[in-house]
Amino acid sequence: MENLVEVKNLKKKYGSKEAVKGISFNIKENEILGLLGPNGSGKTTTIGMMLGLLKPSNGEILIDGKKIEENRIETLQKINFISPYIELPKKLTLKQNLIVYCKLYNVLDIKNRIEYLVEKLRLEDLLNRVTGELSSGQKNRASLAKALINNPTVLFLDEPTASLDPEIGDFVRSFLENYKKEKKISILLASHNMTEVTRLCKTVLMMKDGIIIDKGHPEELIKKHGRKNLEEVFLKLSRSGDELY
C-alpha cells in the first residue's frame, strides 16, 4: 500500500514554546491511523497543520506525494474533516448545507452525491430539517456527510463519536470501517475512546509534550506495556513519559 500522507520532521513554535517537536509518520492508503495523547500533547496543532490551517515552523506535509504549502488549493480538494466542536450553519436545512458544501468543493454531480450519502448515513428524514434543531446524533451524521461530500482521499476525524449513545456510536464506527474499505481512503483518527481506537486503527501514535513517545498496533502496545487494554497503556504513557519511542 502507498503512503497517501507523509509527515516529515514537523515542528510548530509559538514564540518560545514548541508545541510540536519534529514528528514524522505516514498514513497508508486504506488505513486508519490513531493519534492519541493527553490534552496539550500537540494533537490539535498537528491536525491544524495537516489541514493547512497552521503553517509549520519546520518540516513538511505531503498529501498524495505533493506538499500542502506548494499545492494548497489542489490538496484541500482531496481532504476533509469532522469535529464535534465545529457545527454546520444552524439556520440552514441539512439539504441546503450539503448543497453549499458541494459548491464549495466543486462537486460536479451534486444530486447523486447527496443521494448517496443520505442513503448511506440514513439521513432521509433529516434533509429538510433545520440543522440547528437536530439532536447530537443527527448532527454527527450530518457533519459526517459534509466531511465526505467531496469524496476525499484523506479524512481527519477529531472525536467523531463524542457524546453519542452506544447505538449511534456503533453505527458511525461500522460506517467508517465499510466506507474505508470501499473507497480505500486514508483516515487520521484523534479520539479519547480507547475501545473505538482499538477497533478501528491498525496503527496508533502516542503523543506527549509535542513528540511521539510510542507507536504500534493496539494489541502490540497492550502486550508491550503489560496492560489489559489500550486505555491502561494510554494512562501509563501519559503519566510517566518514561517509555520513549
Foldseek 3Di string as FASTA:
>chain_A
DAFQKWWFQFWADDVPATQAGTETDTWFFLFEEEEEEDPSQNPVVVVCVQLVNDPTPDTFMHGRRHTCVVVVVVQNLQEFEDDLVDFFPQAAFLQVSLVVLCVVSVPPCSVVLLVVLCVLLVCVVRRRPGLNPDDSLNRLSSRVSSRCSSVHQEYEYEASCPPHDPVSSVSVLVSVNVVCVVSRHTYYYYHPPQVSCLVRHQKYFYTGSNYTFDMGRQVVLCVVVVHDGSNVSNVVCNPPVPRGD
